[in-house]
Amino acid sequence: MALLAAQNIKQLLARLAEHAPNARVVSNYKDVRGALAHVWDVEIRSDPKGMQTVGLGKRAFATVAVSTNLKQFTKYSRLQWRLL
């Protein structure tokens, strides 16, 4: 186990290449992610954080915006599986 997930992924890909040399790896998701947003939206939601201090003696309700591309990536992955 490495300290960073990116290093673990590189090690995993190397091991998969050893055990399955004929496997196809699709690694262009980062390149096409912007174009995919026109077809499959990125999910964005706002979650309340409650009362927060925003200045000297000032308090206000705060929200945090969360975006996830899990559904987009899953659909892209399934499309790639069908194309291969």
N, C-alpha and C. Protein backbone atom coordinates (compact mmCIF):
# COMPACT_ATOMS: atom_id res chain seq x y z
N MET A 1 0.84 -1.18 0.00
CA MET A 1 0.00 0.00 0.00
C MET A 1 0.89 1.25 0.00
N ALA A 2 0.60 2.14 -0.92
CA ALA A 2 1.32 3.39 -0.99
C ALA A 2 0.55 4.46 -0.21
N LEU A 3 1.18 5.60 -0.05
CA LEU A 3 0.53 6.68 0.70
C LEU A 3 -0.58 7.35 -0.09
N LEU A 4 -0.45 7.38 -1.41
CA LEU A 4 -1.44 8.05 -2.25
C LEU A 4 -2.21 7.05 -3.10
N ALA A 5 -3.49 7.31 -3.30
CA ALA A 5 -4.33 6.42 -4.10
C ALA A 5 -3.82 6.34 -5.53
N ALA A 6 -3.28 7.43 -6.06
CA ALA A 6 -2.79 7.43 -7.44
C ALA A 6 -1.65 6.42 -7.61
N GLN A 7 -0.81 6.31 -6.62
CA GLN A 7 0.28 5.32 -6.67
C GLN A 7 -0.27 3.90 -6.61
N ASN A 8 -1.29 3.70 -5.79
CA ASN A 8 -1.92 2.38 -5.71
C ASN A 8 -2.54 1.98 -7.04
N ILE A 9 -3.16 2.93 -7.72
CA ILE A 9 -3.78 2.65 -9.01
C ILE A 9 -2.72 2.26 -10.04
N LYS A 10 -1.58 2.96 -10.04
CA LYS A 10 -0.50 2.62 -10.96
C LYS A 10 0.01 1.21 -10.70
N GLN A 11 0.16 0.85 -9.43
CA GLN A 11 0.60 -0.50 -9.09
C GLN A 11 -0.43 -1.54 -9.49
N LEU A 12 -1.71 -1.21 -9.30
CA LEU A 12 -2.78 -2.13 -9.69
C LEU A 12 -2.77 -2.35 -11.19
N LEU A 13 -2.63 -1.29 -11.97
CA LEU A 13 -2.58 -1.43 -13.43
C LEU A 13 -1.39 -2.26 -13.88
N ALA A 14 -0.26 -2.09 -13.23
CA ALA A 14 0.92 -2.87 -13.57
C ALA A 14 0.69 -4.36 -13.29
N ARG A 15 0.08 -4.66 -12.16
CA ARG A 15 -0.20 -6.06 -11.82
C ARG A 15 -1.24 -6.67 -12.76
N LEU A 16 -2.25 -5.88 -13.10
CA LEU A 16 -3.26 -6.39 -14.05
C LEU A 16 -2.63 -6.66 -15.40
N ALA A 17 -1.70 -5.80 -15.82
CA ALA A 17 -1.02 -6.01 -17.10
C ALA A 17 -0.19 -7.29 -17.08
N GLU A 18 0.39 -7.62 -15.93
CA GLU A 18 1.15 -8.86 -15.79
C GLU A 18 0.25 -10.09 -15.93
N HIS A 19 -0.89 -10.05 -15.27
CA HIS A 19 -1.78 -11.21 -15.22
C HIS A 19 -2.73 -11.30 -16.40
N ALA A 20 -3.01 -10.19 -17.05
CA ALA A 20 -3.93 -10.19 -18.19
C ALA A 20 -3.33 -9.31 -19.30
N PRO A 21 -2.31 -9.81 -19.99
CA PRO A 21 -1.63 -8.97 -20.99
C PRO A 21 -2.51 -8.58 -22.19
N ASN A 22 -3.58 -9.31 -22.45
CA ASN A 22 -4.45 -8.99 -23.58
C ASN A 22 -5.62 -8.09 -23.20
N ALA A 23 -5.68 -7.69 -21.94
CA ALA A 23 -6.78 -6.82 -21.49
C ALA A 23 -6.63 -5.43 -22.08
N ARG A 24 -7.76 -4.82 -22.38
CA ARG A 24 -7.77 -3.46 -22.90
C ARG A 24 -8.08 -2.49 -21.76
N VAL A 25 -7.32 -1.42 -21.69
CA VAL A 25 -7.51 -0.42 -20.65
C VAL A 25 -7.92 0.89 -21.31
N VAL A 26 -9.06 1.42 -20.89
CA VAL A 26 -9.53 2.70 -21.40
C VAL A 26 -9.14 3.76 -20.38
N SER A 27 -8.29 4.69 -20.79
CA SER A 27 -7.78 5.67 -19.83
C SER A 27 -7.99 7.11 -20.29
N ASN A 28 -8.95 7.33 -21.18
CA ASN A 28 -9.16 8.68 -21.71
C ASN A 28 -10.35 9.40 -21.07
N TYR A 29 -10.83 8.93 -19.93
CA TYR A 29 -12.00 9.55 -19.30
C TYR A 29 -11.76 11.03 -18.99
N LYS A 30 -10.57 11.36 -18.48
CA LYS A 30 -10.28 12.77 -18.16
C LYS A 30 -10.38 13.65 -19.39
N ASP A 31 -9.98 13.13 -20.54
CA ASP A 31 -10.01 13.91 -21.78
C ASP A 31 -11.42 14.16 -22.29
N VAL A 32 -12.33 13.23 -22.08
CA VAL A 32 -13.68 13.36 -22.63
C VAL A 32 -14.72 13.78 -21.60
N ARG A 33 -14.30 13.98 -20.35
CA ARG A 33 -15.25 14.31 -19.29
C ARG A 33 -16.04 15.58 -19.57
N GLY A 34 -15.40 16.60 -20.11
CA GLY A 34 -16.10 17.84 -20.43
C GLY A 34 -17.18 17.65 -21.47
N ALA A 35 -16.87 16.87 -22.50
CA ALA A 35 -17.86 16.61 -23.55
C ALA A 35 -19.01 15.74 -23.03
N LEU A 36 -18.70 14.84 -22.12
CA LEU A 36 -19.74 13.98 -21.56
C LEU A 36 -20.75 14.76 -20.72
N ALA A 37 -20.33 15.89 -20.18
CA ALA A 37 -21.24 16.71 -19.37
C ALA A 37 -22.42 17.21 -20.19
N HIS A 38 -22.26 17.30 -21.51
CA HIS A 38 -23.38 17.71 -22.37
C HIS A 38 -24.40 16.59 -22.54
N VAL A 39 -23.96 15.36 -22.34
CA VAL A 39 -24.84 14.21 -22.52
C VAL A 39 -25.35 13.71 -21.17
N TRP A 40 -24.42 13.48 -20.24
CA TRP A 40 -24.76 12.99 -18.90
C TRP A 40 -24.31 14.03 -17.89
N ASP A 41 -25.27 14.66 -17.24
CA ASP A 41 -24.97 15.75 -16.31
C ASP A 41 -24.18 15.28 -15.09
N VAL A 42 -23.38 16.19 -14.57
CA VAL A 42 -22.70 15.98 -13.29
C VAL A 42 -23.69 16.37 -12.20
N GLU A 43 -23.83 15.53 -11.20
CA GLU A 43 -24.80 15.78 -10.13
C GLU A 43 -24.24 16.82 -9.16
N ILE A 44 -25.02 17.88 -8.93
CA ILE A 44 -24.61 18.95 -8.02
C ILE A 44 -25.73 19.15 -7.00
N ARG A 45 -25.36 19.20 -5.74
CA ARG A 45 -26.36 19.46 -4.70
C ARG A 45 -25.75 20.37 -3.65
N SER A 46 -26.61 21.08 -2.93
CA SER A 46 -26.17 21.96 -1.85
C SER A 46 -26.64 21.39 -0.53
N ASP A 47 -25.71 21.23 0.38
CA ASP A 47 -26.02 20.72 1.71
C ASP A 47 -25.83 21.82 2.74
N PRO A 48 -26.76 21.95 3.68
CA PRO A 48 -26.60 22.97 4.71
C PRO A 48 -25.50 22.58 5.70
N LYS A 49 -24.72 23.56 6.13
CA LYS A 49 -23.69 23.33 7.14
C LYS A 49 -24.10 23.89 8.49
N GLY A 50 -25.24 24.56 8.53
CA GLY A 50 -25.69 25.13 9.79
C GLY A 50 -25.14 26.54 10.00
N MET A 51 -25.20 26.99 11.23
CA MET A 51 -24.76 28.33 11.58
C MET A 51 -23.24 28.37 11.63
N GLN A 52 -22.63 29.33 10.92
CA GLN A 52 -21.18 29.47 10.86
C GLN A 52 -20.80 30.92 11.17
N THR A 53 -19.61 31.11 11.70
CA THR A 53 -19.08 32.46 11.92
C THR A 53 -18.49 32.94 10.60
N VAL A 54 -18.97 34.10 10.11
CA VAL A 54 -18.52 34.61 8.82
C VAL A 54 -17.69 35.87 8.95
N GLY A 55 -17.61 36.43 10.09
CA GLY A 55 -16.82 37.64 10.30
C GLY A 55 -16.69 37.89 11.79
N LEU A 56 -16.20 39.03 12.11
CA LEU A 56 -16.01 39.37 13.51
C LEU A 56 -17.37 39.54 14.17
N GLY A 57 -17.76 38.55 14.95
CA GLY A 57 -19.03 38.61 15.66
C GLY A 57 -20.25 38.38 14.80
N LYS A 58 -20.07 38.03 13.53
CA LYS A 58 -21.22 37.79 12.64
C LYS A 58 -21.38 36.30 12.41
N ARG A 59 -22.64 35.90 12.38
CA ARG A 59 -22.95 34.49 12.12
C ARG A 59 -24.00 34.44 11.03
N ALA A 60 -23.92 33.41 10.22
CA ALA A 60 -24.88 33.22 9.14
C ALA A 60 -24.99 31.74 8.83
N PHE A 61 -26.09 31.39 8.18
CA PHE A 61 -26.25 30.00 7.74
C PHE A 61 -25.37 29.78 6.53
N ALA A 62 -24.68 28.65 6.49
CA ALA A 62 -23.77 28.35 5.38
C ALA A 62 -24.22 27.08 4.68
N THR A 63 -23.88 26.97 3.42
CA THR A 63 -24.13 25.76 2.65
C THR A 63 -22.84 25.36 1.95
N VAL A 64 -22.77 24.11 1.61
CA VAL A 64 -21.62 23.61 0.86
C VAL A 64 -22.16 22.94 -0.40
N ALA A 65 -21.53 23.25 -1.53
CA ALA A 65 -21.93 22.65 -2.81
C ALA A 65 -21.08 21.40 -3.03
N VAL A 66 -21.76 20.32 -3.36
CA VAL A 66 -21.08 19.04 -3.60
C VAL A 66 -21.41 18.60 -5.01
N SER A 67 -20.38 18.25 -5.77
CA SER A 67 -20.62 17.72 -7.12
C SER A 67 -19.99 16.34 -7.22
N THR A 68 -20.66 15.46 -7.94
CA THR A 68 -20.15 14.11 -8.14
C THR A 68 -20.41 13.69 -9.58
N ASN A 69 -19.45 13.00 -10.15
CA ASN A 69 -19.59 12.50 -11.50
C ASN A 69 -19.70 10.97 -11.50
N LEU A 70 -20.12 10.38 -10.40
CA LEU A 70 -20.19 8.93 -10.27
C LEU A 70 -21.13 8.33 -11.32
N LYS A 71 -22.32 8.89 -11.48
CA LYS A 71 -23.27 8.36 -12.46
C LYS A 71 -22.72 8.52 -13.87
N GLN A 72 -22.10 9.67 -14.15
CA GLN A 72 -21.51 9.92 -15.47
C GLN A 72 -20.41 8.90 -15.76
N PHE A 73 -19.52 8.68 -14.80
CA PHE A 73 -18.43 7.73 -14.99
C PHE A 73 -18.96 6.31 -15.17
N THR A 74 -19.98 5.95 -14.40
CA THR A 74 -20.56 4.61 -14.51
C THR A 74 -21.16 4.40 -15.89
N LYS A 75 -21.88 5.38 -16.40
CA LYS A 75 -22.46 5.25 -17.74
C LYS A 75 -21.38 5.18 -18.80
N TYR A 76 -20.33 5.98 -18.67
CA TYR A 76 -19.22 5.94 -19.61
C TYR A 76 -18.52 4.58 -19.56
N SER A 77 -18.32 4.06 -18.37
CA SER A 77 -17.68 2.77 -18.21
C SER A 77 -18.50 1.66 -18.87
N ARG A 78 -19.79 1.69 -18.66
CA ARG A 78 -20.67 0.68 -19.28
C ARG A 78 -20.68 0.81 -20.79
N LEU A 79 -20.64 2.03 -21.30
CA LEU A 79 -20.56 2.25 -22.74
C LEU A 79 -19.26 1.66 -23.30
N GLN A 80 -18.15 1.89 -22.62
CA GLN A 80 -16.86 1.35 -23.06
C GLN A 80 -16.88 -0.18 -23.05
N TRP A 81 -17.51 -0.76 -22.04
CA TRP A 81 -17.59 -2.20 -21.95
C TRP A 81 -18.36 -2.77 -23.15
N ARG A 82 -19.43 -2.09 -23.54
CA ARG A 82 -20.21 -2.53 -24.71
C ARG A 82 -19.41 -2.36 -26.01
N LEU A 83 -18.63 -1.30 -26.11
CA LEU A 83 -17.87 -1.04 -27.33
C LEU A 83 -16.69 -1.99 -27.49
N LEU A 84 -16.13 -2.47 -26.38
CA LEU A 84 -15.00 -3.38 -26.46
C LEU A 84 -15.51 -4.76 -26.76
